[in-house]
N, C-alpha and C. Protein backbone atom coordinates (compact mmCIF):
# COMPACT_ATOMS: atom_id res chain seq x y z
N MET A 1 0.15 -0.65 17.18
CA MET A 1 0.81 -1.02 15.94
C MET A 1 0.05 -0.43 14.75
N LYS A 2 -1.29 -0.59 14.74
CA LYS A 2 -2.09 -0.05 13.63
C LYS A 2 -1.97 1.46 13.56
N ASP A 3 -2.04 2.13 14.70
CA ASP A 3 -1.95 3.59 14.72
C ASP A 3 -0.60 4.06 14.21
N ALA A 4 0.47 3.40 14.64
CA ALA A 4 1.81 3.77 14.21
C ALA A 4 1.94 3.60 12.70
N PHE A 5 1.39 2.51 12.17
CA PHE A 5 1.44 2.25 10.73
C PHE A 5 0.69 3.34 9.96
N LEU A 6 -0.53 3.62 10.41
CA LEU A 6 -1.36 4.61 9.71
C LEU A 6 -0.76 6.01 9.80
N ASN A 7 -0.15 6.35 10.94
CA ASN A 7 0.52 7.64 11.08
C ASN A 7 1.70 7.76 10.12
N PHE A 8 2.46 6.67 10.01
CA PHE A 8 3.62 6.68 9.12
C PHE A 8 3.18 6.74 7.66
N LEU A 9 2.02 6.16 7.36
CA LEU A 9 1.46 6.22 6.01
C LEU A 9 1.15 7.68 5.65
N GLY A 10 0.65 8.43 6.61
CA GLY A 10 0.41 9.86 6.39
C GLY A 10 1.70 10.61 6.10
N ILE A 11 2.77 10.23 6.77
CA ILE A 11 4.08 10.84 6.53
C ILE A 11 4.55 10.52 5.10
N ALA A 12 4.34 9.28 4.67
CA ALA A 12 4.72 8.87 3.31
C ALA A 12 3.97 9.71 2.27
N LEU A 13 2.70 9.98 2.55
CA LEU A 13 1.89 10.80 1.64
C LEU A 13 2.47 12.22 1.55
N ARG A 14 2.74 12.81 2.70
CA ARG A 14 3.27 14.18 2.73
C ARG A 14 4.66 14.26 2.09
N ALA A 15 5.41 13.16 2.15
CA ALA A 15 6.75 13.13 1.55
C ALA A 15 6.68 12.90 0.04
N GLY A 16 5.49 12.58 -0.46
CA GLY A 16 5.33 12.35 -1.90
C GLY A 16 5.87 11.01 -2.35
N LYS A 17 5.90 10.04 -1.45
CA LYS A 17 6.46 8.72 -1.76
C LYS A 17 5.38 7.67 -1.91
N MET A 18 4.22 8.08 -2.39
CA MET A 18 3.07 7.18 -2.46
C MET A 18 2.28 7.45 -3.74
N ILE A 19 1.79 6.36 -4.32
CA ILE A 19 0.81 6.49 -5.40
C ILE A 19 -0.43 5.74 -4.95
N SER A 20 -1.59 6.11 -5.47
CA SER A 20 -2.79 5.43 -5.04
C SER A 20 -3.70 5.14 -6.22
N GLY A 21 -4.52 4.14 -6.04
CA GLY A 21 -5.40 3.68 -7.11
C GLY A 21 -4.86 2.39 -7.69
N THR A 22 -5.78 1.52 -8.09
CA THR A 22 -5.39 0.19 -8.57
C THR A 22 -4.53 0.25 -9.82
N GLU A 23 -4.97 1.00 -10.83
CA GLU A 23 -4.24 1.02 -12.11
C GLU A 23 -2.83 1.61 -11.96
N LEU A 24 -2.73 2.73 -11.25
CA LEU A 24 -1.41 3.35 -11.05
C LEU A 24 -0.48 2.41 -10.28
N THR A 25 -1.03 1.73 -9.28
CA THR A 25 -0.22 0.82 -8.48
C THR A 25 0.23 -0.38 -9.30
N LEU A 26 -0.67 -0.95 -10.09
CA LEU A 26 -0.29 -2.07 -10.97
C LEU A 26 0.80 -1.65 -11.95
N GLN A 27 0.66 -0.46 -12.51
CA GLN A 27 1.66 0.07 -13.42
C GLN A 27 3.00 0.25 -12.70
N GLY A 28 2.95 0.74 -11.47
CA GLY A 28 4.16 0.92 -10.67
C GLY A 28 4.84 -0.40 -10.33
N ILE A 29 4.03 -1.45 -10.11
CA ILE A 29 4.60 -2.78 -9.85
C ILE A 29 5.32 -3.26 -11.11
N ARG A 30 4.67 -3.08 -12.26
CA ARG A 30 5.26 -3.53 -13.53
C ARG A 30 6.58 -2.82 -13.83
N ASN A 31 6.64 -1.50 -13.59
CA ASN A 31 7.90 -0.79 -13.89
C ASN A 31 8.83 -0.75 -12.67
N GLN A 32 8.50 -1.49 -11.66
CA GLN A 32 9.32 -1.71 -10.45
C GLN A 32 9.61 -0.46 -9.65
N SER A 33 8.70 0.53 -9.73
CA SER A 33 8.86 1.72 -8.89
C SER A 33 8.15 1.55 -7.55
N VAL A 34 7.22 0.60 -7.46
CA VAL A 34 6.50 0.36 -6.22
C VAL A 34 7.24 -0.70 -5.39
N LYS A 35 7.54 -0.35 -4.14
CA LYS A 35 8.30 -1.24 -3.25
C LYS A 35 7.42 -1.99 -2.26
N LEU A 36 6.19 -1.48 -2.05
CA LEU A 36 5.24 -2.09 -1.11
C LEU A 36 3.84 -1.72 -1.55
N VAL A 37 2.93 -2.70 -1.49
CA VAL A 37 1.53 -2.45 -1.83
C VAL A 37 0.69 -2.59 -0.57
N ILE A 38 -0.19 -1.64 -0.34
CA ILE A 38 -1.14 -1.70 0.76
C ILE A 38 -2.52 -1.75 0.14
N MET A 39 -3.23 -2.83 0.42
CA MET A 39 -4.55 -3.06 -0.19
C MET A 39 -5.58 -3.15 0.92
N ALA A 40 -6.70 -2.46 0.75
CA ALA A 40 -7.78 -2.51 1.75
C ALA A 40 -8.34 -3.93 1.82
N SER A 41 -8.63 -4.37 3.03
CA SER A 41 -9.17 -5.73 3.22
C SER A 41 -10.57 -5.87 2.64
N ASP A 42 -11.24 -4.76 2.39
CA ASP A 42 -12.61 -4.81 1.88
C ASP A 42 -12.73 -4.41 0.41
N CYS A 43 -11.62 -4.54 -0.35
CA CYS A 43 -11.73 -4.24 -1.78
C CYS A 43 -12.30 -5.47 -2.52
N SER A 44 -12.63 -5.29 -3.77
CA SER A 44 -13.31 -6.34 -4.53
C SER A 44 -12.41 -7.57 -4.72
N ASP A 45 -13.05 -8.71 -4.93
CA ASP A 45 -12.32 -9.96 -5.13
C ASP A 45 -11.41 -9.88 -6.36
N ARG A 46 -11.90 -9.23 -7.40
CA ARG A 46 -11.10 -9.11 -8.62
C ARG A 46 -9.83 -8.29 -8.36
N THR A 47 -9.98 -7.18 -7.63
CA THR A 47 -8.82 -6.35 -7.30
C THR A 47 -7.84 -7.14 -6.44
N LYS A 48 -8.36 -7.88 -5.46
CA LYS A 48 -7.49 -8.71 -4.61
C LYS A 48 -6.71 -9.70 -5.45
N LYS A 49 -7.40 -10.36 -6.37
CA LYS A 49 -6.76 -11.37 -7.23
C LYS A 49 -5.69 -10.73 -8.11
N ASP A 50 -6.05 -9.63 -8.78
CA ASP A 50 -5.10 -8.94 -9.67
C ASP A 50 -3.85 -8.51 -8.92
N LEU A 51 -4.04 -7.88 -7.76
CA LEU A 51 -2.89 -7.37 -7.00
C LEU A 51 -2.06 -8.51 -6.40
N THR A 52 -2.73 -9.53 -5.90
CA THR A 52 -2.00 -10.66 -5.32
C THR A 52 -1.15 -11.34 -6.39
N ASN A 53 -1.72 -11.58 -7.55
CA ASN A 53 -0.96 -12.21 -8.65
C ASN A 53 0.23 -11.35 -9.05
N LYS A 54 0.00 -10.05 -9.21
CA LYS A 54 1.06 -9.15 -9.67
C LYS A 54 2.17 -9.01 -8.62
N THR A 55 1.79 -8.86 -7.35
CA THR A 55 2.82 -8.71 -6.31
C THR A 55 3.61 -10.01 -6.14
N ASP A 56 2.93 -11.16 -6.30
CA ASP A 56 3.64 -12.44 -6.21
C ASP A 56 4.65 -12.59 -7.35
N SER A 57 4.23 -12.27 -8.57
CA SER A 57 5.13 -12.47 -9.71
C SER A 57 6.29 -11.47 -9.73
N TYR A 58 6.09 -10.28 -9.18
CA TYR A 58 7.16 -9.27 -9.14
C TYR A 58 7.86 -9.22 -7.78
N ASN A 59 7.46 -10.08 -6.86
CA ASN A 59 8.10 -10.18 -5.55
C ASN A 59 8.01 -8.88 -4.75
N VAL A 60 6.82 -8.27 -4.74
CA VAL A 60 6.58 -7.02 -4.01
C VAL A 60 5.76 -7.36 -2.77
N PRO A 61 6.17 -6.91 -1.59
CA PRO A 61 5.39 -7.20 -0.37
C PRO A 61 3.99 -6.58 -0.45
N LEU A 62 3.03 -7.26 0.15
CA LEU A 62 1.63 -6.82 0.14
C LEU A 62 1.08 -6.85 1.56
N ILE A 63 0.46 -5.75 1.98
CA ILE A 63 -0.18 -5.67 3.29
C ILE A 63 -1.66 -5.43 3.07
N ASP A 64 -2.49 -6.26 3.70
CA ASP A 64 -3.94 -6.11 3.53
C ASP A 64 -4.69 -6.20 4.86
N ASN A 65 -4.10 -5.60 5.90
CA ASN A 65 -4.68 -5.68 7.25
C ASN A 65 -5.60 -4.52 7.59
N PHE A 66 -5.82 -3.59 6.66
CA PHE A 66 -6.58 -2.39 6.99
C PHE A 66 -7.80 -2.25 6.10
N THR A 67 -8.86 -1.68 6.64
CA THR A 67 -10.06 -1.43 5.85
C THR A 67 -9.86 -0.14 5.05
N SER A 68 -10.71 0.05 4.06
CA SER A 68 -10.61 1.28 3.25
C SER A 68 -10.89 2.50 4.12
N GLN A 69 -11.73 2.35 5.13
CA GLN A 69 -12.05 3.45 6.04
C GLN A 69 -10.81 3.88 6.83
N GLU A 70 -10.03 2.90 7.31
CA GLU A 70 -8.80 3.21 8.04
C GLU A 70 -7.79 3.90 7.14
N LEU A 71 -7.67 3.42 5.91
CA LEU A 71 -6.74 4.03 4.96
C LEU A 71 -7.18 5.46 4.63
N LYS A 72 -8.48 5.65 4.47
CA LYS A 72 -9.02 6.98 4.17
C LYS A 72 -8.68 7.96 5.29
N ARG A 73 -8.87 7.52 6.54
CA ARG A 73 -8.56 8.38 7.68
C ARG A 73 -7.07 8.75 7.71
N SER A 74 -6.23 7.83 7.27
CA SER A 74 -4.79 8.04 7.31
C SER A 74 -4.31 9.02 6.24
N ILE A 75 -4.84 8.89 5.01
CA ILE A 75 -4.33 9.71 3.91
C ILE A 75 -5.31 10.78 3.43
N GLY A 76 -6.53 10.75 3.95
CA GLY A 76 -7.49 11.79 3.60
C GLY A 76 -8.13 11.62 2.24
N LYS A 77 -7.96 10.47 1.63
CA LYS A 77 -8.55 10.19 0.32
C LYS A 77 -9.23 8.84 0.35
N GLU A 78 -10.26 8.70 -0.44
CA GLU A 78 -10.98 7.43 -0.55
C GLU A 78 -10.20 6.51 -1.49
N ARG A 79 -9.31 5.70 -0.93
CA ARG A 79 -8.48 4.79 -1.73
C ARG A 79 -8.48 3.40 -1.12
N LYS A 80 -8.47 2.40 -1.99
CA LYS A 80 -8.42 1.01 -1.53
C LYS A 80 -7.07 0.37 -1.83
N VAL A 81 -6.29 1.01 -2.70
CA VAL A 81 -4.97 0.48 -3.08
C VAL A 81 -3.95 1.61 -3.05
N ILE A 82 -2.83 1.33 -2.36
CA ILE A 82 -1.76 2.32 -2.22
C ILE A 82 -0.44 1.64 -2.55
N GLY A 83 0.40 2.34 -3.30
CA GLY A 83 1.73 1.84 -3.59
C GLY A 83 2.76 2.78 -2.98
N ILE A 84 3.70 2.22 -2.24
CA ILE A 84 4.79 3.01 -1.64
C ILE A 84 5.99 2.93 -2.58
N THR A 85 6.51 4.10 -2.98
CA THR A 85 7.57 4.13 -3.99
C THR A 85 8.98 4.32 -3.42
N ASP A 86 9.09 4.49 -2.12
CA ASP A 86 10.39 4.69 -1.48
C ASP A 86 10.76 3.44 -0.68
N LEU A 87 11.93 2.89 -0.94
CA LEU A 87 12.35 1.65 -0.29
C LEU A 87 12.49 1.81 1.23
N GLY A 88 13.04 2.92 1.68
CA GLY A 88 13.21 3.15 3.12
C GLY A 88 11.87 3.21 3.85
N ILE A 89 10.92 3.92 3.28
CA ILE A 89 9.58 4.03 3.88
C ILE A 89 8.89 2.67 3.85
N ALA A 90 9.04 1.94 2.73
CA ALA A 90 8.44 0.61 2.62
C ALA A 90 8.99 -0.32 3.70
N ARG A 91 10.30 -0.29 3.89
CA ARG A 91 10.93 -1.14 4.92
C ARG A 91 10.41 -0.78 6.32
N ARG A 92 10.29 0.51 6.59
CA ARG A 92 9.81 0.96 7.91
C ARG A 92 8.38 0.51 8.15
N LEU A 93 7.52 0.62 7.12
CA LEU A 93 6.12 0.19 7.27
C LEU A 93 6.04 -1.32 7.52
N ILE A 94 6.87 -2.10 6.82
CA ILE A 94 6.88 -3.55 7.03
C ILE A 94 7.37 -3.85 8.46
N GLU A 95 8.38 -3.12 8.90
CA GLU A 95 8.93 -3.28 10.24
C GLU A 95 7.85 -3.00 11.30
N ILE A 96 7.08 -1.95 11.11
CA ILE A 96 6.00 -1.61 12.05
C ILE A 96 4.98 -2.75 12.09
N MET A 97 4.65 -3.31 10.94
CA MET A 97 3.66 -4.39 10.88
C MET A 97 4.15 -5.65 11.59
N GLU A 98 5.45 -5.89 11.56
CA GLU A 98 6.00 -7.11 12.17
C GLU A 98 6.12 -7.01 13.69
N ASN A 99 6.06 -5.81 14.24
CA ASN A 99 6.16 -5.63 15.70
C ASN A 99 4.84 -5.70 16.39
């Protein structure tokens, strides 16, 4: 399940349907372009709080089952926060997580 998720995350990156970084993702949540947030389980408490509050208030799904190292291996960048901007890709990633 984890491998399938991380592989599909790489596809989302190559398709250009992803933004990364806390500020860009928060901005994307506010303007409703982000459909799913993926947050590293080892990011700072403040980042966790900010993202959890924002995703709750804007009703955006949040996944935090992966370490920053796993995310880095998947997308090739040192990122702790990723926003998926395509609804179809977001739905597929959520579907993979639920299986």
